[in-house]
N, C-alpha and C. Protein backbone atom coordinates (compact mmCIF):
# COMPACT_ATOMS: atom_id res chain seq x y z
N MET A 1 -33.08 10.86 -4.56
CA MET A 1 -33.19 10.29 -3.35
C MET A 1 -32.51 8.70 -3.60
N GLY A 2 -32.87 8.26 -4.68
CA GLY A 2 -32.72 6.55 -5.02
C GLY A 2 -31.27 6.08 -5.41
N CYS A 3 -30.82 7.08 -6.11
CA CYS A 3 -29.53 6.47 -6.68
C CYS A 3 -28.42 7.27 -5.91
N GLY A 4 -28.65 8.43 -5.52
CA GLY A 4 -28.01 9.39 -4.48
C GLY A 4 -26.83 10.24 -5.91
N ARG A 5 -27.03 10.20 -7.21
CA ARG A 5 -26.53 11.22 -8.04
C ARG A 5 -26.56 12.75 -7.84
N ARG A 6 -26.02 13.65 -7.89
CA ARG A 6 -26.13 15.06 -7.61
C ARG A 6 -26.57 15.34 -9.22
N ALA A 7 -27.23 16.52 -9.52
CA ALA A 7 -27.42 16.97 -10.61
C ALA A 7 -28.34 18.11 -10.08
N PRO A 8 -28.40 19.28 -11.74
CA PRO A 8 -28.44 20.50 -10.95
C PRO A 8 -30.42 19.98 -11.23
N LYS A 9 -31.48 21.17 -10.34
CA LYS A 9 -32.71 20.62 -10.37
C LYS A 9 -33.11 20.44 -12.27
N GLY A 10 -32.89 21.14 -12.73
CA GLY A 10 -33.31 21.28 -14.29
C GLY A 10 -33.42 19.59 -14.58
N GLN A 11 -32.25 18.65 -14.25
CA GLN A 11 -32.24 17.71 -14.68
C GLN A 11 -33.12 16.63 -14.20
N LEU A 12 -33.79 17.06 -12.68
CA LEU A 12 -34.04 16.47 -11.64
C LEU A 12 -35.70 15.72 -11.73
N VAL A 13 -36.68 15.11 -11.34
CA VAL A 13 -37.91 15.18 -11.01
C VAL A 13 -38.22 15.29 -9.86
N ARG A 14 -38.72 16.61 -9.11
CA ARG A 14 -39.52 16.57 -7.88
C ARG A 14 -40.59 16.13 -7.26
N PHE A 15 -41.01 16.28 -6.47
CA PHE A 15 -42.02 15.41 -5.67
C PHE A 15 -42.40 16.12 -4.29
N THR A 16 -43.65 16.24 -3.85
CA THR A 16 -43.97 16.85 -2.45
C THR A 16 -45.00 16.00 -2.19
N ALA A 17 -45.77 15.58 -0.74
CA ALA A 17 -46.50 15.30 -0.37
C ALA A 17 -47.86 16.44 -0.29
N VAL A 18 -48.71 15.87 -0.45
CA VAL A 18 -50.01 16.59 -0.92
C VAL A 18 -51.36 15.28 0.03
N ASP A 19 -51.30 15.78 1.29
CA ASP A 19 -52.44 15.23 1.72
C ASP A 19 -51.78 13.73 1.98
N GLY A 20 -50.62 13.45 2.34
CA GLY A 20 -50.15 11.92 2.42
C GLY A 20 -49.66 11.19 0.93
N VAL A 21 -50.00 11.61 0.14
CA VAL A 21 -49.64 11.04 -1.13
C VAL A 21 -48.44 12.02 -1.45
N VAL A 22 -47.64 10.92 -2.09
CA VAL A 22 -46.56 11.65 -3.38
C VAL A 22 -46.79 12.33 -4.52
N THR A 23 -46.42 13.36 -4.87
CA THR A 23 -47.14 14.14 -6.15
C THR A 23 -46.22 15.16 -6.66
N PRO A 24 -45.76 14.60 -8.05
CA PRO A 24 -44.96 15.43 -8.50
C PRO A 24 -45.29 17.08 -8.18
N GLY A 25 -43.91 17.96 -8.75
CA GLY A 25 -44.62 19.36 -8.79
C GLY A 25 -43.33 19.82 -8.32
N ALA A 26 -43.03 20.39 -9.63
CA ALA A 26 -41.61 21.35 -9.98
C ALA A 26 -41.99 22.57 -9.26
N ASP A 27 -43.09 23.17 -8.52
CA ASP A 27 -43.05 24.48 -8.77
C ASP A 27 -44.49 24.47 -7.28
N ALA A 28 -44.42 23.20 -6.52
CA ALA A 28 -45.37 23.21 -5.26
C ALA A 28 -44.61 23.41 -4.15
N PRO A 29 -45.43 24.33 -3.50
CA PRO A 29 -44.74 24.58 -1.96
C PRO A 29 -44.59 23.30 -1.03
N GLY A 30 -43.79 23.62 -0.40
CA GLY A 30 -42.96 22.58 0.80
C GLY A 30 -42.26 22.05 0.79
N ARG A 31 -41.87 21.41 1.34
CA ARG A 31 -40.65 20.19 1.38
C ARG A 31 -40.69 19.48 -0.24
N GLY A 32 -39.15 19.36 -0.82
CA GLY A 32 -39.54 18.05 -2.16
C GLY A 32 -38.28 17.64 -1.55
N ALA A 33 -38.70 16.30 -2.39
CA ALA A 33 -38.00 15.36 -3.09
C ALA A 33 -37.79 14.60 -4.27
N TYR A 34 -36.22 15.10 -4.71
CA TYR A 34 -36.01 14.32 -6.11
C TYR A 34 -35.55 13.48 -6.60
N THR A 35 -35.70 12.97 -7.79
CA THR A 35 -35.08 11.42 -8.39
C THR A 35 -34.67 12.06 -9.46
N CYS A 36 -33.47 11.57 -9.91
CA CYS A 36 -33.25 11.59 -11.41
C CYS A 36 -34.38 11.01 -12.43
N ARG A 37 -34.14 11.49 -13.55
CA ARG A 37 -35.09 11.05 -14.51
C ARG A 37 -35.01 9.81 -15.28
N ASP A 38 -34.58 8.72 -13.93
CA ASP A 38 -34.64 7.33 -14.81
C ASP A 38 -35.52 6.67 -13.71
N GLY A 39 -36.28 6.20 -14.48
CA GLY A 39 -37.33 5.49 -13.55
C GLY A 39 -36.99 4.26 -12.82
N ARG A 40 -35.72 3.65 -12.60
CA ARG A 40 -34.76 3.29 -11.70
C ARG A 40 -34.40 3.73 -10.64
N CYS A 41 -33.92 5.08 -10.70
CA CYS A 41 -33.89 5.65 -9.29
C CYS A 41 -35.47 5.93 -8.45
N PHE A 42 -36.55 5.70 -9.17
CA PHE A 42 -37.61 6.18 -8.37
C PHE A 42 -37.69 4.99 -8.00
N GLU A 43 -38.02 3.89 -8.80
CA GLU A 43 -38.08 2.48 -8.07
C GLU A 43 -37.29 1.85 -7.26
N LEU A 44 -36.18 2.73 -6.71
CA LEU A 44 -35.07 2.46 -5.43
C LEU A 44 -35.73 3.06 -4.69
N ALA A 45 -35.82 4.67 -4.81
CA ALA A 45 -36.55 5.22 -3.57
C ALA A 45 -37.65 5.18 -2.95
N THR A 46 -38.63 4.50 -3.95
CA THR A 46 -39.79 3.64 -3.40
C THR A 46 -39.35 2.56 -2.53
N ARG A 47 -38.77 1.52 -3.09
CA ARG A 47 -38.31 0.61 -2.11
C ARG A 47 -37.65 0.29 -0.75
N ARG A 48 -36.61 1.86 -0.89
CA ARG A 48 -35.79 1.89 0.19
C ARG A 48 -36.63 2.70 1.11
N GLY A 49 -38.32 3.40 0.64
CA GLY A 49 -38.86 4.42 1.69
C GLY A 49 -38.45 5.55 1.98
N ALA A 50 -37.37 5.86 0.98
CA ALA A 50 -36.53 7.12 1.02
C ALA A 50 -37.79 8.72 0.96
N PHE A 51 -38.71 8.22 0.15
CA PHE A 51 -39.80 9.28 -0.20
C PHE A 51 -40.42 9.97 1.42
N GLY A 52 -40.49 9.48 2.51
CA GLY A 52 -40.86 9.02 3.45
C GLY A 52 -40.23 9.95 4.53
N ARG A 53 -38.74 9.42 4.58
CA ARG A 53 -37.96 10.17 5.11
C ARG A 53 -36.90 11.42 4.88
N THR A 54 -37.44 11.52 3.34
CA THR A 54 -37.06 12.61 3.08
C THR A 54 -38.01 13.97 3.01
N LEU A 55 -39.35 13.30 2.83
CA LEU A 55 -40.50 14.76 3.22
C LEU A 55 -40.68 14.77 4.54
N ARG A 56 -40.18 13.49 4.86
CA ARG A 56 -40.03 14.05 6.56
C ARG A 56 -42.11 13.41 7.06
N SER A 57 -42.49 12.64 6.40
CA SER A 57 -43.72 12.60 6.77
C SER A 57 -44.46 11.04 6.34
N SER A 58 -45.21 10.60 6.91
CA SER A 58 -46.02 8.89 6.43
C SER A 58 -46.70 9.51 5.13
N VAL A 59 -46.08 8.71 3.98
CA VAL A 59 -46.09 8.49 2.60
C VAL A 59 -46.86 7.82 1.93
N ARG A 60 -47.64 7.95 0.87
CA ARG A 60 -48.25 6.82 0.22
C ARG A 60 -47.20 7.10 -1.40
N VAL A 61 -47.12 6.42 -2.03
CA VAL A 61 -46.29 6.39 -3.14
C VAL A 61 -47.26 5.55 -4.35
N GLU A 62 -48.15 6.32 -5.06
CA GLU A 62 -49.04 5.44 -5.98
C GLU A 62 -48.19 4.77 -7.31
N PRO A 63 -48.62 3.60 -7.17
CA PRO A 63 -47.99 2.55 -8.64
C PRO A 63 -47.87 3.80 -9.98
N GLU A 64 -49.00 4.55 -10.41
CA GLU A 64 -48.71 5.41 -11.51
C GLU A 64 -48.00 6.83 -11.87
N LEU A 65 -47.08 6.72 -10.33
CA LEU A 65 -46.15 7.50 -10.48
C LEU A 65 -44.96 7.31 -12.01
N ALA A 66 -45.24 5.92 -11.90
CA ALA A 66 -43.99 5.25 -12.25
C ALA A 66 -44.05 5.74 -13.76
N ARG A 67 -45.61 5.99 -14.50
CA ARG A 67 -45.31 6.47 -15.88
C ARG A 67 -44.78 7.72 -16.17
N LEU A 68 -44.69 8.69 -14.97
CA LEU A 68 -43.80 9.85 -14.94
C LEU A 68 -42.85 9.87 -16.29
N TYR A 69 -41.93 8.83 -15.70
CA TYR A 69 -40.53 8.43 -15.89
C TYR A 69 -40.39 8.42 -17.85
N THR A 70 -41.74 7.35 -17.95
CA THR A 70 -41.79 7.06 -19.55
C THR A 70 -42.09 8.43 -20.69
N GLU A 71 -42.68 9.14 -19.56
CA GLU A 71 -43.38 10.38 -20.21
C GLU A 71 -42.24 11.33 -20.29
N VAL A 72 -41.17 11.28 -19.04
CA VAL A 72 -40.14 12.35 -19.34
C VAL A 72 -39.22 12.45 -20.35
N SER A 73 -38.94 10.61 -20.34
CA SER A 73 -37.79 10.22 -21.19
C SER A 73 -38.49 10.28 -22.79
N HIS A 74 -39.27 10.50 -23.22
CA HIS A 74 -40.11 10.16 -24.41
C HIS A 74 -40.63 12.18 -24.77
N GLY A 75 -40.50 12.86 -24.06
CA GLY A 75 -40.84 13.89 -23.91
C GLY A 75 -39.88 15.29 -23.64
């Protein structure tokens, strides 16, 4: 969503909207938005407002979500 790279779902981080807040969730129901496992992709998607467009709703992206990318890269 941020960088436009195509990859298998297992190589991406999935987000959904829960009560207007972007939430990570690989198995969560509903429309999903995907970013690479690179924090720069997440930042780019956030700056461009891609989460709201992709999830087709007005959403809030909490800054704490960026920590997922440090956890993913080390875990």
